[in-house]
Amino acid sequence: MAGSSPALPCGGRVCTVSAPASRAPVDVLIRRTDPSVPVPARAHPGDAGVDLITTEAAELAPGERAVLPTGVSIALPDGYAAFVHPRSGLAARCGVAMVNAPGTIDAGYRGEIKVIVINLDPRETVRFQPFDRIAQLVVQRVETVRFHEVAELPGSARAMGGFGSTGGHPGVLTPYAAVGPGGTADRKGQ
């Protein structure tokens, strides 16, 4: 049934997933550098982002990176930013990742969106053709913040735990481990 929520098993009874009341779409102005570049659009209802394509052919040897143009520039309303995310299929099938994922597009930026990709496959060269999908663009509301400098931060349950502090890997050495007295690595928090 089109438009209905999917039915899910709930302990012997059927329940549905309901979506919150929909909000009005956010208007984003777009300029294409080439009229043959498609205007980005969601592929499926409920998708968070839209696909971005490359306008140029590129060949990436193993370990090589490139900056690929997308053929689009956007103007976002104040209070919004766009985030360029990698496409999972490129990573899974080709070993292609984004170097600075996610890339941040600020509301005031008016230049062409470009995507920095890297070929992480150890053996295969990856080739891109014009109009290949290379990334996803997600538009989100962002908060304006004010920073207040203090001498001490309030405590928290997490405190200063980071870099794997919730489930370390004791056999893995990282360059971020502090070296303690006697030259041994301090592995607390890993």
N, C-alpha and C. Protein backbone atom coordinates (compact mmCIF):
# COMPACT_ATOMS: atom_id res chain seq x y z
N MET A 1 0.85 -1.17 0.00
CA MET A 1 0.00 0.00 0.00
C MET A 1 0.89 1.24 0.00
N ALA A 2 0.78 2.07 -1.03
CA ALA A 2 1.62 3.25 -1.17
C ALA A 2 1.34 4.25 -0.06
N GLY A 3 2.41 4.80 0.50
CA GLY A 3 2.28 5.86 1.50
C GLY A 3 2.05 5.37 2.92
N SER A 4 1.86 4.06 3.12
CA SER A 4 1.63 3.60 4.49
C SER A 4 2.95 3.23 5.14
N SER A 5 2.97 3.19 6.45
CA SER A 5 4.16 2.83 7.20
C SER A 5 4.34 1.32 7.16
N PRO A 6 5.59 0.84 7.19
CA PRO A 6 5.80 -0.60 7.18
C PRO A 6 5.33 -1.23 8.49
N ALA A 7 4.78 -2.44 8.38
CA ALA A 7 4.33 -3.17 9.57
C ALA A 7 5.52 -3.94 10.13
N LEU A 8 5.68 -3.91 11.44
CA LEU A 8 6.78 -4.59 12.10
C LEU A 8 6.24 -5.53 13.16
N PRO A 9 6.89 -6.70 13.34
CA PRO A 9 6.46 -7.58 14.42
C PRO A 9 6.84 -6.97 15.77
N CYS A 10 5.90 -6.94 16.69
CA CYS A 10 6.14 -6.35 18.01
C CYS A 10 5.63 -7.31 19.08
N GLY A 11 6.40 -8.31 19.40
CA GLY A 11 6.03 -9.23 20.46
C GLY A 11 4.67 -9.88 20.23
N GLY A 12 4.42 -10.41 19.05
CA GLY A 12 3.17 -11.09 18.79
C GLY A 12 2.07 -10.20 18.22
N ARG A 13 2.25 -8.91 18.25
CA ARG A 13 1.26 -8.02 17.65
C ARG A 13 1.94 -7.23 16.54
N VAL A 14 1.19 -6.58 15.72
CA VAL A 14 1.75 -5.80 14.62
C VAL A 14 1.73 -4.32 15.01
N CYS A 15 2.85 -3.67 14.83
CA CYS A 15 2.90 -2.24 15.07
C CYS A 15 3.50 -1.57 13.85
N THR A 16 3.35 -0.29 13.72
CA THR A 16 3.86 0.42 12.57
C THR A 16 4.84 1.50 13.00
N VAL A 17 5.69 1.87 12.09
CA VAL A 17 6.62 2.97 12.31
C VAL A 17 5.95 4.21 11.76
N SER A 18 5.75 5.18 12.61
CA SER A 18 5.11 6.40 12.13
C SER A 18 6.14 7.51 12.02
N ALA A 19 6.00 8.28 10.99
CA ALA A 19 6.90 9.40 10.77
C ALA A 19 6.33 10.65 11.42
N PRO A 20 7.20 11.51 11.93
CA PRO A 20 6.70 12.77 12.49
C PRO A 20 6.07 13.60 11.37
N ALA A 21 5.28 14.56 11.76
CA ALA A 21 4.66 15.43 10.77
C ALA A 21 5.75 16.03 9.88
N SER A 22 5.53 16.00 8.58
CA SER A 22 6.57 16.47 7.67
C SER A 22 6.69 17.99 7.73
N ARG A 23 7.92 18.43 7.58
CA ARG A 23 8.20 19.86 7.56
C ARG A 23 8.29 20.29 6.10
N ALA A 24 8.17 21.58 5.90
CA ALA A 24 8.31 22.11 4.55
C ALA A 24 9.75 21.89 4.08
N PRO A 25 9.94 21.57 2.81
CA PRO A 25 11.30 21.39 2.31
C PRO A 25 12.10 22.69 2.41
N VAL A 26 13.40 22.56 2.54
CA VAL A 26 14.30 23.70 2.59
C VAL A 26 14.64 24.08 1.14
N ASP A 27 14.46 25.35 0.81
CA ASP A 27 14.77 25.81 -0.54
C ASP A 27 16.26 26.09 -0.65
N VAL A 28 16.90 25.45 -1.63
CA VAL A 28 18.32 25.62 -1.89
C VAL A 28 18.47 26.07 -3.33
N LEU A 29 19.16 27.18 -3.54
CA LEU A 29 19.41 27.67 -4.89
C LEU A 29 20.59 26.90 -5.47
N ILE A 30 20.51 26.55 -6.74
CA ILE A 30 21.58 25.78 -7.38
C ILE A 30 21.93 26.41 -8.71
N ARG A 31 23.23 26.39 -9.03
CA ARG A 31 23.72 26.86 -10.32
C ARG A 31 24.53 25.73 -10.92
N ARG A 32 24.18 25.35 -12.16
CA ARG A 32 24.92 24.30 -12.85
C ARG A 32 25.97 24.95 -13.76
N THR A 33 27.20 24.42 -13.74
CA THR A 33 28.24 24.95 -14.61
C THR A 33 28.07 24.47 -16.05
N ASP A 34 27.27 23.44 -16.23
CA ASP A 34 27.00 22.86 -17.54
C ASP A 34 25.53 22.44 -17.53
N PRO A 35 24.74 22.89 -18.51
CA PRO A 35 23.31 22.56 -18.50
C PRO A 35 23.00 21.07 -18.61
N SER A 36 23.99 20.26 -19.03
CA SER A 36 23.73 18.82 -19.12
C SER A 36 23.88 18.11 -17.77
N VAL A 37 24.42 18.81 -16.78
CA VAL A 37 24.54 18.23 -15.43
C VAL A 37 23.14 18.17 -14.83
N PRO A 38 22.71 17.01 -14.35
CA PRO A 38 21.36 16.93 -13.76
C PRO A 38 21.28 17.69 -12.43
N VAL A 39 20.12 18.28 -12.18
CA VAL A 39 19.88 18.90 -10.88
C VAL A 39 19.78 17.76 -9.87
N PRO A 40 20.57 17.79 -8.79
CA PRO A 40 20.51 16.70 -7.81
C PRO A 40 19.09 16.52 -7.26
N ALA A 41 18.69 15.27 -7.10
CA ALA A 41 17.37 14.94 -6.56
C ALA A 41 17.48 13.65 -5.76
N ARG A 42 16.61 13.50 -4.78
CA ARG A 42 16.59 12.26 -3.99
C ARG A 42 16.19 11.09 -4.90
N ALA A 43 16.89 9.97 -4.75
CA ALA A 43 16.58 8.79 -5.55
C ALA A 43 15.33 8.08 -5.03
N HIS A 44 15.09 8.13 -3.72
CA HIS A 44 13.96 7.43 -3.09
C HIS A 44 13.36 8.32 -2.02
N PRO A 45 12.05 8.20 -1.79
CA PRO A 45 11.45 8.96 -0.69
C PRO A 45 12.15 8.59 0.63
N GLY A 46 12.41 9.58 1.44
CA GLY A 46 13.05 9.33 2.72
C GLY A 46 14.56 9.35 2.67
N ASP A 47 15.18 9.43 1.47
CA ASP A 47 16.63 9.51 1.40
C ASP A 47 17.10 10.79 2.08
N ALA A 48 18.20 10.70 2.79
CA ALA A 48 18.75 11.87 3.49
C ALA A 48 19.48 12.79 2.53
N GLY A 49 20.07 12.24 1.50
CA GLY A 49 20.89 13.05 0.62
C GLY A 49 20.58 12.82 -0.84
N VAL A 50 21.32 13.57 -1.67
CA VAL A 50 21.22 13.45 -3.12
C VAL A 50 22.60 13.10 -3.66
N ASP A 51 22.64 12.39 -4.77
CA ASP A 51 23.91 12.02 -5.36
C ASP A 51 24.54 13.21 -6.08
N LEU A 52 25.86 13.29 -6.00
CA LEU A 52 26.64 14.25 -6.77
C LEU A 52 27.43 13.47 -7.81
N ILE A 53 27.57 14.04 -8.99
CA ILE A 53 28.31 13.38 -10.07
C ILE A 53 29.62 14.13 -10.31
N THR A 54 30.52 13.50 -11.05
CA THR A 54 31.71 14.21 -11.50
C THR A 54 31.49 14.67 -12.94
N THR A 55 32.07 15.79 -13.29
CA THR A 55 31.96 16.29 -14.66
C THR A 55 33.19 15.96 -15.48
N GLU A 56 34.19 15.35 -14.86
CA GLU A 56 35.43 15.03 -15.56
C GLU A 56 35.80 13.57 -15.42
N ALA A 57 36.49 13.06 -16.43
CA ALA A 57 37.04 11.71 -16.35
C ALA A 57 38.28 11.76 -15.46
N ALA A 58 38.52 10.69 -14.73
CA ALA A 58 39.70 10.62 -13.87
C ALA A 58 40.12 9.16 -13.75
N GLU A 59 41.41 8.95 -13.59
CA GLU A 59 41.96 7.61 -13.38
C GLU A 59 42.85 7.68 -12.15
N LEU A 60 42.53 6.82 -11.17
CA LEU A 60 43.27 6.83 -9.90
C LEU A 60 43.99 5.49 -9.71
N ALA A 61 45.29 5.53 -9.70
CA ALA A 61 46.09 4.35 -9.39
C ALA A 61 45.93 4.06 -7.89
N PRO A 62 46.31 2.86 -7.44
CA PRO A 62 46.24 2.58 -6.01
C PRO A 62 46.96 3.65 -5.19
N GLY A 63 46.27 4.16 -4.17
CA GLY A 63 46.84 5.17 -3.29
C GLY A 63 46.74 6.59 -3.82
N GLU A 64 46.29 6.77 -5.05
CA GLU A 64 46.23 8.11 -5.64
C GLU A 64 44.92 8.79 -5.28
N ARG A 65 44.96 10.12 -5.18
CA ARG A 65 43.76 10.90 -4.88
C ARG A 65 43.57 11.96 -5.95
N ALA A 66 42.35 12.48 -6.02
CA ALA A 66 42.03 13.52 -7.00
C ALA A 66 40.91 14.39 -6.46
N VAL A 67 40.86 15.63 -6.94
CA VAL A 67 39.77 16.55 -6.63
C VAL A 67 38.86 16.57 -7.85
N LEU A 68 37.63 16.06 -7.67
CA LEU A 68 36.71 15.94 -8.79
C LEU A 68 35.62 17.00 -8.71
N PRO A 69 35.40 17.73 -9.80
CA PRO A 69 34.35 18.74 -9.82
C PRO A 69 32.98 18.09 -10.00
N THR A 70 31.95 18.73 -9.45
CA THR A 70 30.60 18.18 -9.54
C THR A 70 29.71 18.94 -10.51
N GLY A 71 30.15 20.11 -10.93
CA GLY A 71 29.33 20.89 -11.86
C GLY A 71 28.20 21.67 -11.22
N VAL A 72 28.18 21.74 -9.88
CA VAL A 72 27.12 22.49 -9.21
C VAL A 72 27.68 23.38 -8.11
N SER A 73 27.05 24.52 -7.96
CA SER A 73 27.27 25.44 -6.84
C SER A 73 25.92 25.66 -6.19
N ILE A 74 25.90 25.89 -4.88
CA ILE A 74 24.62 26.07 -4.19
C ILE A 74 24.67 27.29 -3.28
N ALA A 75 23.50 27.79 -2.95
CA ALA A 75 23.34 28.85 -1.96
C ALA A 75 22.35 28.34 -0.93
N LEU A 76 22.83 28.15 0.28
CA LEU A 76 22.01 27.64 1.37
C LEU A 76 21.46 28.78 2.20
N PRO A 77 20.27 28.59 2.80
CA PRO A 77 19.77 29.62 3.71
C PRO A 77 20.64 29.68 4.97
N ASP A 78 20.66 30.84 5.62
CA ASP A 78 21.37 30.96 6.89
C ASP A 78 20.84 29.90 7.85
N GLY A 79 21.73 29.36 8.66
CA GLY A 79 21.34 28.34 9.62
C GLY A 79 21.42 26.93 9.07
N TYR A 80 21.91 26.78 7.83
CA TYR A 80 22.04 25.46 7.21
C TYR A 80 23.47 25.27 6.70
N ALA A 81 23.87 24.02 6.58
CA ALA A 81 25.13 23.66 5.94
C ALA A 81 24.86 22.40 5.14
N ALA A 82 25.70 22.15 4.15
CA ALA A 82 25.61 20.90 3.39
C ALA A 82 26.85 20.09 3.69
N PHE A 83 26.68 18.79 3.74
CA PHE A 83 27.78 17.90 4.06
C PHE A 83 27.92 16.88 2.93
N VAL A 84 29.14 16.78 2.39
CA VAL A 84 29.43 15.84 1.31
C VAL A 84 29.92 14.55 1.95
N HIS A 85 29.17 13.48 1.72
CA HIS A 85 29.47 12.16 2.30
C HIS A 85 29.91 11.20 1.20
N PRO A 86 30.71 10.19 1.56
CA PRO A 86 31.08 9.17 0.57
C PRO A 86 29.88 8.29 0.21
N ARG A 87 29.95 7.66 -0.93
CA ARG A 87 28.93 6.69 -1.34
C ARG A 87 29.42 5.31 -0.92
N SER A 88 28.59 4.59 -0.20
CA SER A 88 29.00 3.28 0.34
C SER A 88 29.32 2.29 -0.77
N GLY A 89 28.63 2.36 -1.89
CA GLY A 89 28.89 1.43 -2.99
C GLY A 89 30.28 1.59 -3.58
N LEU A 90 30.76 2.83 -3.68
CA LEU A 90 32.12 3.05 -4.19
C LEU A 90 33.15 2.46 -3.25
N ALA A 91 32.92 2.60 -1.97
CA ALA A 91 33.84 2.04 -0.98
C ALA A 91 33.83 0.51 -1.04
N ALA A 92 32.64 -0.07 -1.08
CA ALA A 92 32.52 -1.53 -1.05
C ALA A 92 33.03 -2.18 -2.33
N ARG A 93 32.68 -1.62 -3.48
CA ARG A 93 33.03 -2.25 -4.75
C ARG A 93 34.41 -1.86 -5.28
N CYS A 94 34.84 -0.62 -5.01
CA CYS A 94 36.06 -0.12 -5.64
C CYS A 94 37.14 0.31 -4.67
N GLY A 95 36.84 0.39 -3.40
CA GLY A 95 37.83 0.86 -2.43
C GLY A 95 38.05 2.35 -2.49
N VAL A 96 37.06 3.10 -2.99
CA VAL A 96 37.18 4.56 -3.09
C VAL A 96 36.59 5.19 -1.85
N ALA A 97 37.34 6.12 -1.25
CA ALA A 97 36.89 6.85 -0.07
C ALA A 97 37.08 8.34 -0.31
N MET A 98 36.49 9.13 0.57
CA MET A 98 36.71 10.57 0.56
C MET A 98 37.75 10.92 1.61
N VAL A 99 38.71 11.74 1.24
CA VAL A 99 39.79 12.09 2.14
C VAL A 99 39.29 12.90 3.33
N ASN A 100 38.39 13.83 3.12
CA ASN A 100 37.93 14.72 4.19
C ASN A 100 36.45 14.52 4.48
N ALA A 101 36.04 13.29 4.64
CA ALA A 101 34.62 13.01 4.84
C ALA A 101 34.19 13.30 6.27
N PRO A 102 33.06 13.95 6.47
CA PRO A 102 32.32 14.62 5.41
C PRO A 102 32.92 15.98 5.11
N GLY A 103 32.80 16.40 3.87
CA GLY A 103 33.21 17.74 3.48
C GLY A 103 32.10 18.70 3.87
N THR A 104 32.45 19.85 4.39
CA THR A 104 31.45 20.82 4.86
C THR A 104 31.31 21.96 3.86
N ILE A 105 30.07 22.22 3.45
CA ILE A 105 29.75 23.35 2.59
C ILE A 105 29.00 24.36 3.44
N ASP A 106 29.64 25.47 3.75
CA ASP A 106 29.01 26.50 4.57
C ASP A 106 27.98 27.29 3.77
N ALA A 107 27.03 27.89 4.47
CA ALA A 107 25.95 28.63 3.82
C ALA A 107 26.47 29.76 2.94
N GLY A 108 27.59 30.35 3.27
CA GLY A 108 28.11 31.47 2.49
C GLY A 108 28.97 31.08 1.31
N TYR A 109 29.31 29.80 1.16
CA TYR A 109 30.17 29.35 0.06
C TYR A 109 29.39 29.33 -1.24
N ARG A 110 29.95 29.92 -2.30
CA ARG A 110 29.26 29.97 -3.59
C ARG A 110 30.04 29.31 -4.71
N GLY A 111 31.19 28.73 -4.41
CA GLY A 111 31.99 28.08 -5.45
C GLY A 111 31.45 26.71 -5.80
N GLU A 112 32.04 26.12 -6.83
CA GLU A 112 31.64 24.78 -7.25
C GLU A 112 31.99 23.78 -6.15
N ILE A 113 31.09 22.85 -5.91
CA ILE A 113 31.35 21.78 -4.95
C ILE A 113 32.30 20.79 -5.61
N LYS A 114 33.38 20.47 -4.90
CA LYS A 114 34.36 19.49 -5.39
C LYS A 114 34.54 18.41 -4.34
N VAL A 115 34.90 17.23 -4.80
CA VAL A 115 35.00 16.07 -3.92
C VAL A 115 36.42 15.51 -4.01
N ILE A 116 37.06 15.33 -2.85
CA ILE A 116 38.40 14.76 -2.81
C ILE A 116 38.27 13.26 -2.57
N VAL A 117 38.60 12.47 -3.58
CA VAL A 117 38.50 11.01 -3.48
C VAL A 117 39.88 10.39 -3.49
N ILE A 118 39.97 9.20 -2.91
CA ILE A 118 41.23 8.45 -2.88
C ILE A 118 40.93 6.99 -3.18
N ASN A 119 41.82 6.38 -3.94
CA ASN A 119 41.70 4.95 -4.25
C ASN A 119 42.48 4.17 -3.21
N LEU A 120 41.77 3.48 -2.33
CA LEU A 120 42.41 2.69 -1.28
C LEU A 120 42.64 1.23 -1.67
N ASP A 121 42.22 0.85 -2.88
CA ASP A 121 42.47 -0.51 -3.33
C ASP A 121 43.97 -0.69 -3.53
N PRO A 122 44.56 -1.76 -3.00
CA PRO A 122 46.01 -1.92 -3.10
C PRO A 122 46.52 -2.34 -4.48
N ARG A 123 45.61 -2.81 -5.37
CA ARG A 123 46.05 -3.35 -6.65
C ARG A 123 45.39 -2.73 -7.88
N GLU A 124 44.13 -2.36 -7.78
CA GLU A 124 43.37 -1.95 -8.96
C GLU A 124 43.31 -0.45 -9.17
N THR A 125 43.40 -0.03 -10.41
CA THR A 125 43.19 1.37 -10.79
C THR A 125 41.68 1.59 -10.89
N VAL A 126 41.22 2.75 -10.47
CA VAL A 126 39.80 3.09 -10.53
C VAL A 126 39.64 4.20 -11.57
N ARG A 127 38.63 4.03 -12.43
CA ARG A 127 38.36 5.02 -13.46
C ARG A 127 36.99 5.63 -13.27
N PHE A 128 36.93 6.95 -13.39
CA PHE A 128 35.67 7.68 -13.35
C PHE A 128 35.41 8.30 -14.71
N GLN A 129 34.16 8.27 -15.11
CA GLN A 129 33.72 8.92 -16.34
C GLN A 129 32.80 10.07 -15.97
N PRO A 130 32.69 11.07 -16.85
CA PRO A 130 31.73 12.15 -16.57
C PRO A 130 30.34 11.57 -16.28
N PHE A 131 29.68 12.12 -15.30
CA PHE A 131 28.34 11.76 -14.85
C PHE A 131 28.31 10.53 -13.93
N ASP A 132 29.48 9.97 -13.58
CA ASP A 132 29.51 8.92 -12.56
C ASP A 132 29.16 9.56 -11.22
N ARG A 133 28.36 8.86 -10.42
CA ARG A 133 28.03 9.35 -9.08
C ARG A 133 29.23 9.11 -8.17
N ILE A 134 29.64 10.18 -7.46
CA ILE A 134 30.87 10.08 -6.66
C ILE A 134 30.67 10.37 -5.18
N ALA A 135 29.55 11.00 -4.80
CA ALA A 135 29.35 11.37 -3.40
C ALA A 135 27.87 11.67 -3.18
N GLN A 136 27.53 11.91 -1.91
CA GLN A 136 26.18 12.31 -1.54
C GLN A 136 26.24 13.66 -0.85
N LEU A 137 25.23 14.47 -1.08
CA LEU A 137 25.12 15.78 -0.44
C LEU A 137 23.93 15.76 0.51
N VAL A 138 24.17 16.06 1.78
CA VAL A 138 23.13 16.10 2.80
C VAL A 138 23.06 17.52 3.34
N VAL A 139 21.87 18.11 3.32
CA VAL A 139 21.66 19.46 3.85
C VAL A 139 21.07 19.33 5.25
N GLN A 140 21.66 20.04 6.22
CA GLN A 140 21.19 19.97 7.60
C GLN A 140 21.17 21.34 8.24
N ARG A 141 20.25 21.49 9.18
CA ARG A 141 20.23 22.69 10.00
C ARG A 141 21.42 22.62 10.95
N VAL A 142 22.09 23.75 11.14
CA VAL A 142 23.21 23.81 12.08
C VAL A 142 22.96 24.95 13.06
N GLU A 143 23.41 24.74 14.27
CA GLU A 143 23.21 25.73 15.32
C GLU A 143 24.33 26.75 15.31
N THR A 144 24.00 27.98 15.67
CA THR A 144 25.00 29.01 15.88
C THR A 144 25.47 28.89 17.32
N VAL A 145 26.77 28.93 17.52
CA VAL A 145 27.30 28.75 18.87
C VAL A 145 28.11 29.97 19.29
N ARG A 146 28.21 30.16 20.60
CA ARG A 146 29.10 31.13 21.21
C ARG A 146 30.00 30.34 22.15
N PHE A 147 31.29 30.58 22.08
CA PHE A 147 32.22 29.90 22.96
C PHE A 147 32.51 30.77 24.17
N HIS A 148 32.54 30.14 25.33
CA HIS A 148 32.83 30.84 26.59
C HIS A 148 34.03 30.15 27.23
N GLU A 149 35.13 30.86 27.32
CA GLU A 149 36.33 30.28 27.89
C GLU A 149 36.19 30.17 29.41
N VAL A 150 36.57 29.00 29.93
CA VAL A 150 36.52 28.75 31.37
C VAL A 150 37.85 28.12 31.79
N ALA A 151 38.14 28.21 33.08
CA ALA A 151 39.37 27.60 33.60
C ALA A 151 39.25 26.08 33.66
N GLU A 152 38.08 25.58 33.99
CA GLU A 152 37.85 24.14 34.10
C GLU A 152 36.50 23.81 33.47
N LEU A 153 36.41 22.66 32.84
CA LEU A 153 35.14 22.19 32.30
C LEU A 153 34.41 21.37 33.34
N PRO A 154 33.07 21.35 33.32
CA PRO A 154 32.34 20.49 34.26
C PRO A 154 32.62 19.03 33.96
N GLY A 155 32.52 18.21 34.98
CA GLY A 155 32.77 16.79 34.82
C GLY A 155 31.69 16.10 34.00
N SER A 156 32.01 14.89 33.51
CA SER A 156 31.03 14.06 32.79
C SER A 156 31.40 12.60 33.00
N ALA A 157 30.49 11.71 32.69
CA ALA A 157 30.75 10.28 32.85
C ALA A 157 31.88 9.84 31.92
N ARG A 158 31.97 10.42 30.75
CA ARG A 158 33.00 10.03 29.79
C ARG A 158 34.35 10.65 30.15
N ALA A 159 34.35 11.83 30.67
CA ALA A 159 35.57 12.57 31.03
C ALA A 159 36.45 12.75 29.79
N MET A 160 37.70 12.31 29.86
CA MET A 160 38.63 12.54 28.76
C MET A 160 38.85 11.31 27.91
N GLY A 161 38.00 10.29 28.04
CA GLY A 161 38.15 9.07 27.25
C GLY A 161 37.88 9.33 25.78
N GLY A 162 38.79 8.94 24.92
CA GLY A 162 38.63 9.10 23.48
C GLY A 162 39.55 8.13 22.76
N PHE A 163 39.53 8.16 21.45
CA PHE A 163 40.37 7.30 20.63
C PHE A 163 40.26 5.83 21.05
N GLY A 164 39.06 5.31 21.05
CA GLY A 164 38.85 3.90 21.35
C GLY A 164 38.64 3.60 22.81
N SER A 165 38.29 4.61 23.62
CA SER A 165 38.18 4.40 25.06
C SER A 165 37.01 3.51 25.45
N THR A 166 36.05 3.27 24.56
CA THR A 166 34.90 2.44 24.93
C THR A 166 35.09 0.97 24.56
N GLY A 167 36.18 0.61 23.96
CA GLY A 167 36.40 -0.79 23.59
C GLY A 167 37.73 -0.91 22.90
N GLY A 168 38.78 -0.91 23.67
CA GLY A 168 40.12 -0.87 23.12
C GLY A 168 40.52 -2.12 22.38
N HIS A 169 41.60 -2.00 21.69
CA HIS A 169 42.20 -3.10 20.95
C HIS A 169 43.65 -3.19 21.42
N PRO A 170 43.91 -3.98 22.48
CA PRO A 170 45.21 -3.96 23.13
C PRO A 170 46.37 -4.35 22.24
N GLY A 171 46.14 -5.11 21.17
CA GLY A 171 47.25 -5.53 20.31
C GLY A 171 47.58 -4.50 19.24
N VAL A 172 46.83 -3.42 19.15
CA VAL A 172 47.05 -2.43 18.11
C VAL A 172 47.76 -1.22 18.69
N LEU A 173 48.89 -0.89 18.12
CA LEU A 173 49.63 0.29 18.56
C LEU A 173 49.22 1.46 17.68
N THR A 174 49.01 2.59 18.30
CA THR A 174 48.67 3.79 17.52
C THR A 174 49.68 4.87 17.79
N PRO A 175 49.87 5.78 16.85
CA PRO A 175 50.84 6.86 17.09
C PRO A 175 50.35 7.85 18.13
N TYR A 176 49.11 7.72 18.59
CA TYR A 176 48.55 8.68 19.53
C TYR A 176 48.77 8.28 20.98
N ALA A 177 49.34 7.10 21.23
CA ALA A 177 49.56 6.68 22.61
C ALA A 177 50.66 7.51 23.24
N ALA A 178 50.42 7.95 24.46
CA ALA A 178 51.43 8.73 25.19
C ALA A 178 52.53 7.79 25.65
N VAL A 179 53.74 8.27 25.61
CA VAL A 179 54.86 7.46 26.08
C VAL A 179 55.14 7.85 27.52
N GLY A 180 55.09 6.84 28.39
CA GLY A 180 55.28 7.07 29.81
C GLY A 180 56.73 6.95 30.22
N PRO A 181 56.98 7.04 31.54
CA PRO A 181 58.36 6.89 32.04
C PRO A 181 58.91 5.53 31.63
N GLY A 182 60.14 5.50 31.24
CA GLY A 182 60.77 4.24 30.83
C GLY A 182 60.53 3.92 29.37
N GLY A 183 59.86 4.83 28.62
CA GLY A 183 59.66 4.64 27.19
C GLY A 183 58.53 3.69 26.82
N THR A 184 57.67 3.32 27.78
CA THR A 184 56.56 2.41 27.46
C THR A 184 55.33 3.24 27.08
N ALA A 185 54.55 2.70 26.15
CA ALA A 185 53.35 3.40 25.70
C ALA A 185 52.25 3.30 26.75
N ASP A 186 51.60 4.42 27.03
CA ASP A 186 50.46 4.45 27.94
C ASP A 186 49.22 4.12 27.12
N ARG A 187 48.62 2.96 27.33
CA ARG A 187 47.49 2.49 26.54
C ARG A 187 46.14 2.77 27.20
N LYS A 188 46.10 3.56 28.26
CA LYS A 188 44.81 3.87 28.87
C LYS A 188 43.94 4.56 27.83
N GLY A 189 42.72 4.13 27.73
CA GLY A 189 41.80 4.74 26.79
C GLY A 189 41.85 4.16 25.40
N GLN A 190 42.62 3.08 25.20
CA GLN A 190 42.63 2.46 23.86
C GLN A 190 42.00 1.11 23.90
